[in-house]
Amino acid sequence: MVTSHASSSLPASGAVQIEPASLTPALLGESPFWHPREQRLYYLDIPGHALFRWSEGDAAPQRWDLNSEPGCIAPLESGGLLIAQRNGLWRFDPDGGAYMQLADAPYDATQRRFNDGKADAQGRLWVGTIDDARQPHSALYCWRNGRFEVMQDGITSSNGLAWSPDGGTMYWADTKAHEVYQFDFDQKTGSLGERRPFLSFPVRAEGQPLSTYGGRPDGAAVDVEGCYWIAMMEGQQLLRFSPSGERLQTIELPVRCATMPTFGGADLRTIFVTTAREKRSTEELAAQPWAGCVLKLRVPVAGLPVHFARLD
């Protein structure tokens, strides 16, 4: 366990205790969510082509191998999981083993893949892409009525997807651009208003040491107060912002590459953070042995529960 002295406008809660949920690392952990019916944590290893499920007290998570790189997962209202993979959209039953493709990828899978995604409160799956060459050819899709619809495009690395507690605001990030955006969100129709800037972070300068770099916005979550939590890839920190964009809290992490937070536990006051170790230096991994592990920490404000995806 390590202690992070977080700067915060939250009520005083002392130092933040951070520890790994398990010591089983992923190459690139992503898309964590807490399943409220099972009281378990699910997450992915993208380059490892793997799905994990972890229960409190488990020394190691359960693992299932997948047939392509997964970008994101969402629980299905009817049971099982929805998995957006490089090669399309799939339904998977971890307990029964059924693994069925629902749709082909709506893009050239030799050039890009699905990335960050979540279901909205109405059960529509929103999922973005990442361009392999890191060019601005990626998009944000919505899966509804049995097909993918392009909702936004012109970015490089889709991330940071989340909704406000009332569902009226959607957040979305372009990791390479170091920017997070907001949209007015029509819950009934799933339509988006105009894209507007929410957060912007300094881009790493050529030759800038990582120790002075704040990182770039990756995965995100929202708490019951409407505050936006964002994992800063290569920045070694987890940040909390008010709905107006004021930084309220900075939590220093014991690993360089945090990828996405989610709220879990019975009271939704445990934050689980997936991390990465892929392509990191030998020296960094020696200094940060928890790289790739899921970290956990307790916070005073609960998060929003996961939304279940629907296929009807």
Protein backbone atom coordinates (compact mmCIF):
# COMPACT_ATOMS: atom_id res chain seq x y z
CA MET A 1 0.00 0.00 0.00
CA VAL A 2 1.16 3.52 -0.74
CA THR A 3 -0.08 6.84 0.55
CA SER A 4 -0.86 9.75 -1.78
CA HIS A 5 -1.25 13.20 -0.29
CA ALA A 6 -3.99 14.58 -2.51
CA SER A 7 -4.75 18.26 -2.90
CA SER A 8 -8.51 18.67 -2.65
CA SER A 9 -11.43 20.96 -1.89
CA LEU A 10 -13.34 17.95 -0.58
CA PRO A 11 -13.90 17.63 3.18
CA ALA A 12 -10.70 16.60 4.90
CA SER A 13 -10.31 12.84 4.65
CA GLY A 14 -6.63 12.40 5.35
CA ALA A 15 -4.17 10.75 2.99
CA VAL A 16 -5.48 8.58 0.17
CA GLN A 17 -4.46 4.94 0.56
CA ILE A 18 -3.76 3.25 -2.79
CA GLU A 19 -3.17 -0.47 -3.30
CA PRO A 20 -3.53 -3.02 -6.10
CA ALA A 21 -6.76 -5.02 -6.30
CA SER A 22 -4.56 -7.93 -7.37
CA LEU A 23 -0.97 -8.37 -8.50
CA THR A 24 -1.97 -9.80 -11.88
CA PRO A 25 -0.89 -7.19 -14.45
CA ALA A 26 -2.38 -6.44 -17.84
CA LEU A 27 -0.32 -5.07 -20.70
CA LEU A 28 -2.89 -2.32 -21.21
CA GLY A 29 -5.77 -2.50 -18.76
CA GLU A 30 -8.94 -0.68 -19.85
CA SER A 31 -12.74 -0.33 -19.66
CA PRO A 32 -13.30 -1.28 -16.00
CA PHE A 33 -16.83 -1.38 -14.62
CA TRP A 34 -18.38 -2.61 -11.39
CA HIS A 35 -21.26 -5.02 -11.95
CA PRO A 36 -23.92 -4.14 -9.34
CA ARG A 37 -25.77 -7.44 -9.62
CA GLU A 38 -22.65 -9.56 -9.22
CA GLN A 39 -20.59 -7.18 -7.03
CA ARG A 40 -17.59 -7.87 -9.25
CA LEU A 41 -15.16 -5.82 -11.30
CA TYR A 42 -14.77 -6.46 -15.03
CA TYR A 43 -11.99 -5.02 -17.20
CA LEU A 44 -9.95 -5.71 -20.34
CA ASP A 45 -6.40 -6.14 -21.55
CA ILE A 46 -6.45 -4.69 -25.07
CA PRO A 47 -3.20 -6.06 -26.58
CA GLY A 48 -3.54 -9.17 -24.43
CA HIS A 49 -6.90 -9.97 -26.08
CA ALA A 50 -8.34 -10.74 -22.65
CA LEU A 51 -11.34 -10.15 -20.40
CA PHE A 52 -10.92 -10.22 -16.60
CA ARG A 53 -13.39 -10.55 -13.72
CA TRP A 54 -12.34 -9.86 -10.13
CA SER A 55 -14.15 -10.28 -6.81
CA GLU A 56 -13.12 -8.68 -3.52
CA GLY A 57 -10.71 -11.03 -1.79
CA ASP A 58 -9.55 -12.80 -4.97
CA ALA A 59 -5.77 -13.12 -5.19
CA ALA A 60 -6.06 -13.15 -8.98
CA PRO A 61 -8.87 -12.38 -11.43
CA GLN A 62 -10.59 -14.85 -13.73
CA ARG A 63 -9.46 -14.52 -17.33
CA TRP A 64 -11.06 -15.26 -20.70
CA ASP A 65 -9.16 -15.06 -24.00
CA LEU A 66 -10.83 -13.12 -26.82
CA ASN A 67 -10.36 -13.48 -30.58
CA SER A 68 -9.40 -9.85 -31.27
CA GLU A 69 -8.33 -6.69 -29.48
CA PRO A 70 -11.21 -5.53 -27.25
CA GLY A 71 -11.79 -1.80 -26.86
CA CYS A 72 -14.59 -1.68 -24.32
CA ILE A 73 -17.20 -3.75 -22.49
CA ALA A 74 -20.66 -3.04 -21.10
CA PRO A 75 -23.02 -5.24 -19.10
CA LEU A 76 -26.18 -6.28 -20.91
CA GLU A 77 -29.58 -5.81 -19.29
CA SER A 78 -30.53 -9.28 -20.52
CA GLY A 79 -27.36 -10.85 -19.11
CA GLY A 80 -23.80 -11.27 -20.28
CA LEU A 81 -21.57 -8.64 -21.82
CA LEU A 82 -21.35 -6.51 -24.93
CA ILE A 83 -17.76 -6.28 -26.20
CA ALA A 84 -16.61 -3.88 -28.93
CA GLN A 85 -13.54 -5.47 -30.56
CA ARG A 86 -11.36 -4.51 -33.50
CA ASN A 87 -13.27 -7.08 -35.58
CA GLY A 88 -16.77 -5.95 -34.61
CA LEU A 89 -19.38 -6.07 -31.88
CA TRP A 90 -19.74 -9.28 -29.86
CA ARG A 91 -21.92 -10.71 -27.12
CA PHE A 92 -20.21 -12.87 -24.50
CA ASP A 93 -21.52 -14.92 -21.58
CA PRO A 94 -18.65 -15.39 -19.11
CA ASP A 95 -20.47 -18.14 -17.23
CA GLY A 96 -21.94 -20.11 -20.10
CA GLY A 97 -19.18 -19.42 -22.61
CA ALA A 98 -21.41 -18.32 -25.52
CA TYR A 99 -19.46 -15.88 -27.74
CA MET A 100 -21.39 -14.49 -30.71
CA GLN A 101 -20.70 -11.73 -33.20
CA LEU A 102 -23.52 -9.20 -33.60
CA ALA A 103 -22.02 -6.85 -36.20
CA ASP A 104 -18.94 -6.20 -38.27
CA ALA A 105 -16.76 -3.22 -37.49
CA PRO A 106 -18.00 -0.06 -39.26
CA TYR A 107 -14.47 0.92 -40.33
CA ASP A 108 -11.33 -0.50 -41.95
CA ALA A 109 -10.07 -2.82 -39.20
CA THR A 110 -6.59 -2.85 -40.76
CA GLN A 111 -6.23 0.85 -39.85
CA ARG A 112 -8.16 1.43 -36.63
CA ARG A 113 -9.99 -0.31 -33.81
CA PHE A 114 -12.69 0.31 -31.24
CA ASN A 115 -11.53 2.04 -28.07
CA ASP A 116 -13.32 3.65 -25.12
CA GLY A 117 -17.08 3.09 -24.87
CA LYS A 118 -20.07 2.91 -22.52
CA ALA A 119 -23.83 2.55 -22.58
CA ASP A 120 -26.02 5.56 -21.87
CA ALA A 121 -28.95 5.44 -19.44
CA GLN A 122 -31.28 4.28 -22.22
CA GLY A 123 -29.04 1.33 -23.08
CA ARG A 124 -27.52 2.65 -26.32
CA LEU A 125 -23.83 1.73 -26.67
CA TRP A 126 -21.50 4.65 -27.47
CA VAL A 127 -18.03 3.64 -28.61
CA GLY A 128 -15.19 5.52 -30.24
CA THR A 129 -12.21 4.42 -32.27
CA ILE A 130 -8.46 4.95 -32.26
CA ASP A 131 -6.41 5.29 -35.43
CA ASP A 132 -3.39 2.96 -35.57
CA ALA A 133 -1.28 5.66 -37.25
CA ARG A 134 -2.54 8.25 -34.73
CA GLN A 135 -4.08 10.39 -37.46
CA PRO A 136 -7.41 12.28 -37.05
CA HIS A 137 -9.47 9.61 -38.78
CA SER A 138 -11.33 8.29 -35.74
CA ALA A 139 -14.98 8.68 -34.82
CA LEU A 140 -17.61 8.22 -32.13
CA TYR A 141 -20.37 5.73 -32.93
CA CYS A 142 -23.72 4.94 -31.38
CA TRP A 143 -25.10 1.40 -31.68
CA ARG A 144 -28.87 1.45 -31.95
CA ASN A 145 -31.54 -0.18 -34.07
CA GLY A 146 -29.05 -2.87 -34.97
CA ARG A 147 -26.46 -0.63 -36.62
CA PHE A 148 -23.64 1.82 -35.92
CA GLU A 149 -24.25 5.52 -36.53
CA VAL A 150 -21.40 8.06 -36.73
CA MET A 151 -22.09 10.77 -34.14
CA GLN A 152 -18.76 12.67 -34.19
CA ASP A 153 -15.55 12.39 -36.19
CA GLY A 154 -12.24 14.12 -36.95
CA ILE A 155 -10.32 13.02 -33.87
CA THR A 156 -7.42 10.63 -33.29
CA SER A 157 -8.02 8.74 -30.04
CA SER A 158 -11.57 8.57 -28.64
CA ASN A 159 -11.67 8.46 -24.84
CA GLY A 160 -13.12 10.11 -21.73
CA LEU A 161 -16.74 9.11 -22.34
CA ALA A 162 -19.14 9.84 -19.44
CA TRP A 163 -22.47 11.48 -18.60
CA SER A 164 -23.60 13.93 -15.95
CA PRO A 165 -25.88 12.61 -13.17
CA ASP A 166 -29.00 14.08 -14.84
CA GLY A 167 -27.93 12.64 -18.21
CA GLY A 168 -28.13 16.05 -19.89
CA THR A 169 -24.39 16.43 -20.55
CA MET A 170 -22.05 14.02 -22.31
CA TYR A 171 -18.25 14.18 -22.00
CA TRP A 172 -15.84 12.97 -24.66
CA ALA A 173 -12.06 13.31 -25.07
CA ASP A 174 -9.43 13.20 -27.79
CA THR A 175 -6.38 11.86 -25.97
CA LYS A 176 -3.80 12.92 -28.58
CA ALA A 177 -5.19 16.48 -28.70
CA HIS A 178 -5.11 16.65 -24.86
CA GLU A 179 -8.70 17.94 -24.88
CA VAL A 180 -12.02 17.01 -23.26
CA TYR A 181 -15.32 18.19 -24.73
CA GLN A 182 -18.92 18.57 -23.55
CA PHE A 183 -22.19 18.17 -25.44
CA ASP A 184 -25.78 18.79 -24.54
CA PHE A 185 -27.32 15.33 -24.65
CA ASP A 186 -30.94 14.52 -25.51
CA GLN A 187 -31.64 11.38 -23.50
CA LYS A 188 -34.79 10.50 -25.43
CA THR A 189 -33.32 10.65 -28.93
CA GLY A 190 -29.59 10.28 -28.21
CA SER A 191 -28.84 13.38 -30.27
CA LEU A 192 -25.90 15.66 -29.44
CA GLY A 193 -25.68 19.42 -29.28
CA GLU A 194 -22.67 21.40 -30.46
CA ARG A 195 -19.26 20.23 -29.30
CA ARG A 196 -17.75 22.70 -26.82
CA PRO A 197 -14.43 22.71 -24.95
CA PHE A 198 -14.41 21.56 -21.34
CA LEU A 199 -10.76 20.85 -20.44
CA SER A 200 -7.45 21.36 -22.20
CA PHE A 201 -4.05 20.11 -21.03
CA PRO A 202 -0.52 21.10 -22.11
CA VAL A 203 0.93 18.89 -24.83
CA ARG A 204 4.27 17.32 -23.97
CA ALA A 205 7.08 19.29 -25.59
CA GLU A 206 9.80 17.52 -27.53
CA GLY A 207 12.42 16.30 -25.07
CA GLN A 208 10.30 17.18 -22.03
CA PRO A 209 10.97 14.72 -19.18
CA LEU A 210 8.00 12.69 -18.04
CA SER A 211 8.55 13.94 -14.50
CA THR A 212 7.33 17.41 -15.57
CA TYR A 213 4.56 16.24 -17.90
CA GLY A 214 1.00 16.23 -16.57
CA GLY A 215 -0.21 13.55 -18.93
CA ARG A 216 -3.02 13.31 -21.48
CA PRO A 217 -6.69 12.58 -20.79
CA ASP A 218 -7.68 8.93 -21.08
CA GLY A 219 -10.69 7.19 -19.49
CA ALA A 220 -13.13 8.92 -17.17
CA ALA A 221 -15.98 8.54 -14.68
CA VAL A 222 -18.48 10.88 -12.97
CA ASP A 223 -19.53 10.97 -9.31
CA VAL A 224 -22.91 11.78 -7.76
CA GLU A 225 -21.92 15.44 -7.34
CA GLY A 226 -21.44 15.68 -11.10
CA CYS A 227 -17.66 15.90 -10.88
CA TYR A 228 -15.58 14.44 -13.71
CA TRP A 229 -12.68 12.12 -12.84
CA ILE A 230 -10.06 11.61 -15.55
CA ALA A 231 -7.01 9.30 -15.67
CA MET A 232 -3.96 11.08 -17.07
CA MET A 233 -1.96 8.70 -19.26
CA GLU A 234 1.80 9.11 -18.57
CA GLY A 235 0.95 11.82 -16.02
CA GLN A 236 0.88 9.48 -13.00
CA GLN A 237 -2.25 11.15 -11.65
CA LEU A 238 -6.02 10.98 -11.33
CA LEU A 239 -7.83 14.33 -11.51
CA ARG A 240 -11.28 15.47 -10.35
CA PHE A 241 -13.01 18.46 -11.94
CA SER A 242 -16.22 20.30 -11.09
CA PRO A 243 -18.97 20.50 -13.75
CA SER A 244 -17.67 23.99 -14.55
CA GLY A 245 -14.13 22.72 -15.17
CA GLU A 246 -12.45 23.73 -11.89
CA ARG A 247 -9.81 21.28 -10.73
CA LEU A 248 -10.87 20.09 -7.29
CA GLN A 249 -8.52 17.22 -6.57
CA THR A 250 -5.24 15.72 -7.74
CA ILE A 251 -4.34 12.21 -6.64
CA GLU A 252 -0.80 11.12 -7.34
CA LEU A 253 -0.58 7.49 -8.40
CA PRO A 254 2.25 4.96 -7.94
CA VAL A 255 2.33 4.13 -11.67
CA ARG A 256 3.09 6.32 -14.69
CA CYS A 257 0.25 5.15 -16.96
CA ALA A 258 -3.27 5.24 -15.56
CA THR A 259 -5.91 4.48 -18.18
CA MET A 260 -9.44 4.65 -16.69
CA PRO A 261 -11.25 4.97 -13.34
CA THR A 262 -14.57 3.44 -12.33
CA PHE A 263 -16.55 3.50 -9.11
CA GLY A 264 -17.29 0.22 -7.35
CA GLY A 265 -17.88 -1.60 -4.12
CA ALA A 266 -21.29 -1.91 -2.46
CA ASP A 267 -21.36 1.83 -1.71
CA LEU A 268 -19.68 2.92 -5.00
CA ARG A 269 -17.03 4.76 -2.99
CA THR A 270 -14.08 2.66 -4.13
CA ILE A 271 -12.34 3.92 -7.25
CA PHE A 272 -10.71 1.21 -9.35
CA VAL A 273 -8.11 2.46 -11.83
CA THR A 274 -6.79 0.34 -14.70
CA THR A 275 -3.16 0.93 -15.69
CA ALA A 276 -0.66 -0.05 -18.38
CA ARG A 277 2.83 -1.53 -18.62
CA GLU A 278 3.06 -2.13 -22.39
CA LYS A 279 6.08 -0.47 -24.04
CA ARG A 280 7.37 1.00 -20.76
CA SER A 281 11.09 1.01 -20.03
CA THR A 282 12.78 -1.64 -17.93
CA GLU A 283 13.82 1.05 -15.48
CA GLU A 284 10.29 2.38 -15.09
CA LEU A 285 8.79 -1.07 -14.56
CA ALA A 286 11.43 -1.88 -11.94
CA ALA A 287 10.57 1.32 -10.08
CA GLN A 288 6.79 0.84 -10.50
CA PRO A 289 6.01 -2.87 -10.01
CA TRP A 290 2.24 -2.24 -9.92
CA ALA A 291 2.22 -1.02 -13.52
CA GLY A 292 -0.53 -2.90 -15.36
CA CYS A 293 -2.38 -3.78 -12.16
CA VAL A 294 -5.80 -2.44 -11.18
CA LEU A 295 -5.36 0.06 -8.35
CA LYS A 296 -8.03 0.83 -5.78
CA LEU A 297 -8.63 3.71 -3.38
CA ARG A 298 -11.47 4.92 -1.21
CA VAL A 299 -13.13 8.34 -1.69
CA PRO A 300 -15.80 10.23 0.31
CA VAL A 301 -18.15 10.87 -2.63
CA ALA A 302 -19.84 7.94 -4.38
CA GLY A 303 -19.77 7.48 -8.11
CA LEU A 304 -22.55 6.83 -10.58
CA PRO A 305 -23.43 3.19 -11.27
CA VAL A 306 -22.76 1.60 -14.65
CA HIS A 307 -25.49 1.74 -17.29
CA PHE A 308 -26.66 -1.55 -18.79
CA ALA A 309 -26.68 -1.89 -22.57
CA ARG A 310 -29.78 -3.11 -24.39
CA LEU A 311 -30.08 -4.92 -27.71
CA ASP A 312 -33.78 -4.19 -28.35
